């Protein structure tokens, strides 16, 4: 609903004032909690305008509540497996999309990845994910 209303607002602006600049997201009558991330998305050249960035967001807002290191580990694993755009997405594209989608700023994700590589167990989060997923499936099997 929010995106539909925003789309209507952008369309109304383009019809009524085609030569003027649109209001920024912060001035919009539709407040949005991720203004900093939208600016980041725009600044990293994945959207030309804040409105374009807003229109590309999913309807449901999720916030990453795990650690940033865990998310970087997951992102690099998904990238290594070629899970995005048939393996043709860049790590930068993946990170920016996930930052916006999950309302998190990963900062210097490459430096974080280098730290992960130097850990004793470099796949600690992925190992934990395997364990909790297996536990969940076993629990579901017991309930049958």
Protein backbone atom coordinates (compact mmCIF):
# COMPACT_ATOMS: atom_id res chain seq x y z
CA UNK A 1 0.00 0.00 0.00
CA UNK A 2 2.82 2.36 0.92
CA UNK A 3 4.58 1.84 -2.41
CA UNK A 4 1.34 2.40 -4.31
CA UNK A 5 0.77 5.67 -2.45
CA UNK A 6 4.36 6.71 -3.07
CA UNK A 7 4.03 5.85 -6.76
CA UNK A 8 0.92 8.00 -6.95
CA UNK A 9 2.77 10.85 -5.22
CA UNK A 10 5.63 10.65 -7.74
CA UNK A 11 3.17 10.50 -10.65
CA UNK A 12 1.25 13.48 -9.24
CA UNK A 13 4.52 15.43 -8.89
CA UNK A 14 5.52 14.65 -12.48
CA UNK A 15 2.15 15.80 -13.83
CA UNK A 16 1.79 18.95 -11.71
CA UNK A 17 5.38 20.17 -11.65
CA UNK A 18 7.40 18.55 -14.43
CA UNK A 19 10.14 21.20 -14.32
CA UNK A 20 10.65 21.27 -10.56
CA UNK A 21 12.68 18.97 -8.35
CA UNK A 22 10.80 16.41 -6.26
CA UNK A 23 10.73 16.66 -2.50
CA UNK A 24 13.40 14.66 -0.79
CA UNK A 25 12.32 11.56 1.08
CA UNK A 26 12.73 13.37 4.39
CA UNK A 27 10.35 16.13 3.22
CA UNK A 28 7.83 13.64 1.88
CA UNK A 29 4.41 13.31 3.46
CA UNK A 30 5.21 9.58 3.66
CA UNK A 31 7.89 9.19 6.31
CA UNK A 32 10.15 6.21 5.77
CA UNK A 33 12.53 4.81 8.40
CA UNK A 34 15.36 3.94 6.01
CA UNK A 35 16.28 7.40 4.66
CA UNK A 36 19.99 6.88 5.37
CA UNK A 37 19.96 3.56 3.54
CA UNK A 38 18.06 5.06 0.62
CA UNK A 39 20.72 7.74 0.36
CA UNK A 40 23.38 5.02 0.46
CA UNK A 41 21.55 3.08 -2.27
CA UNK A 42 21.36 6.23 -4.38
CA UNK A 43 24.98 7.20 -3.67
CA UNK A 44 26.22 3.78 -4.79
CA UNK A 45 24.63 4.45 -8.21
CA UNK A 46 22.01 1.70 -8.05
CA UNK A 47 19.17 4.23 -8.23
CA UNK A 48 19.13 7.63 -9.93
CA UNK A 49 16.60 9.21 -7.56
CA UNK A 50 15.33 8.62 -4.04
CA UNK A 51 11.90 7.92 -5.52
CA UNK A 52 13.36 5.21 -7.76
CA UNK A 53 15.08 3.72 -4.73
CA UNK A 54 11.84 3.79 -2.74
CA UNK A 55 9.84 2.19 -5.53
CA UNK A 56 12.33 -0.67 -5.72
CA UNK A 57 12.00 -1.56 -2.03
CA UNK A 58 9.95 -4.57 -0.93
CA UNK A 59 6.62 -4.00 0.80
CA UNK A 60 7.64 -5.72 4.05
CA UNK A 61 10.41 -4.13 6.10
CA UNK A 62 12.78 -6.55 7.78
CA UNK A 63 15.69 -5.51 9.96
CA UNK A 64 18.80 -7.65 10.34
CA UNK A 65 19.25 -8.31 14.06
CA UNK A 66 22.19 -10.70 13.85
CA UNK A 67 25.71 -9.39 13.84
CA UNK A 68 27.13 -7.58 10.82
CA UNK A 69 29.95 -10.12 10.67
CA UNK A 70 27.38 -12.94 10.38
CA UNK A 71 25.62 -11.16 7.54
CA UNK A 72 28.87 -10.54 5.68
CA UNK A 73 29.75 -14.23 6.06
CA UNK A 74 26.34 -15.19 4.64
CA UNK A 75 26.59 -12.71 1.75
CA UNK A 76 30.01 -13.94 0.70
CA UNK A 77 28.81 -17.57 0.87
CA UNK A 78 25.78 -16.77 -1.30
CA UNK A 79 28.02 -14.92 -3.75
CA UNK A 80 30.50 -17.80 -3.88
CA UNK A 81 27.61 -20.16 -4.66
CA UNK A 82 26.48 -17.89 -7.52
CA UNK A 83 23.03 -17.37 -6.01
CA UNK A 84 22.36 -13.94 -7.56
CA UNK A 85 21.88 -13.21 -11.27
CA UNK A 86 23.25 -16.62 -12.23
CA UNK A 87 26.53 -15.76 -10.54
CA UNK A 88 26.98 -12.49 -12.41
CA UNK A 89 26.11 -10.05 -9.58
CA UNK A 90 29.03 -8.21 -8.04
CA UNK A 91 29.61 -8.35 -4.31
CA UNK A 92 28.94 -4.60 -4.20
CA UNK A 93 25.52 -5.04 -5.85
CA UNK A 94 24.62 -7.84 -3.46
CA UNK A 95 25.74 -5.90 -0.39
CA UNK A 96 23.88 -2.73 -1.35
CA UNK A 97 20.65 -4.60 -2.05
CA UNK A 98 20.86 -6.51 1.21
CA UNK A 99 21.74 -3.36 3.17
CA UNK A 100 18.61 -1.66 1.89
CA UNK A 101 16.43 -4.73 2.14
CA UNK A 102 17.48 -5.56 5.70
CA UNK A 103 17.91 -2.01 6.99
CA UNK A 104 21.58 -2.40 7.92
CA UNK A 105 24.79 -0.61 6.99
CA UNK A 106 27.64 -3.10 6.62
CA UNK A 107 30.33 -0.45 6.30
CA UNK A 108 33.67 -1.81 5.07
CA UNK A 109 32.38 -5.30 4.24
CA UNK A 110 35.60 -6.30 2.46
CA UNK A 111 37.64 -5.60 5.60
CA UNK A 112 35.09 -7.64 7.59
CA UNK A 113 35.50 -10.49 5.09
CA UNK A 114 39.28 -10.37 5.54
CA UNK A 115 38.78 -10.67 9.33
CA UNK A 116 36.42 -13.63 8.81
CA UNK A 117 39.07 -15.37 6.70
CA UNK A 118 41.58 -15.00 9.54
CA UNK A 119 39.32 -16.59 12.20
CA UNK A 120 40.03 -20.07 13.53
CA UNK A 121 36.62 -21.20 12.21
CA UNK A 122 35.94 -19.00 9.19
CA UNK A 123 32.45 -20.44 8.65
CA UNK A 124 31.15 -20.25 12.24
CA UNK A 125 27.82 -18.66 11.31
CA UNK A 126 27.19 -20.99 8.38
CA UNK A 127 28.00 -23.97 10.61
CA UNK A 128 25.46 -22.71 13.17
CA UNK A 129 22.86 -22.25 10.42
CA UNK A 130 23.34 -25.87 9.33
CA UNK A 131 22.89 -27.07 12.91
CA UNK A 132 19.74 -25.06 13.64
CA UNK A 133 18.15 -26.01 10.31
CA UNK A 134 18.86 -29.70 10.90
CA UNK A 135 17.44 -29.37 14.42
CA UNK A 136 14.30 -27.76 13.03
CA UNK A 137 13.81 -30.52 10.46
CA UNK A 138 14.34 -33.22 13.07
CA UNK A 139 11.79 -31.52 15.32
CA UNK A 140 9.29 -31.36 12.44
CA UNK A 141 9.88 -35.07 11.76
CA UNK A 142 9.20 -35.91 15.43
CA UNK A 143 5.88 -34.04 15.27
CA UNK A 144 4.60 -36.21 12.40
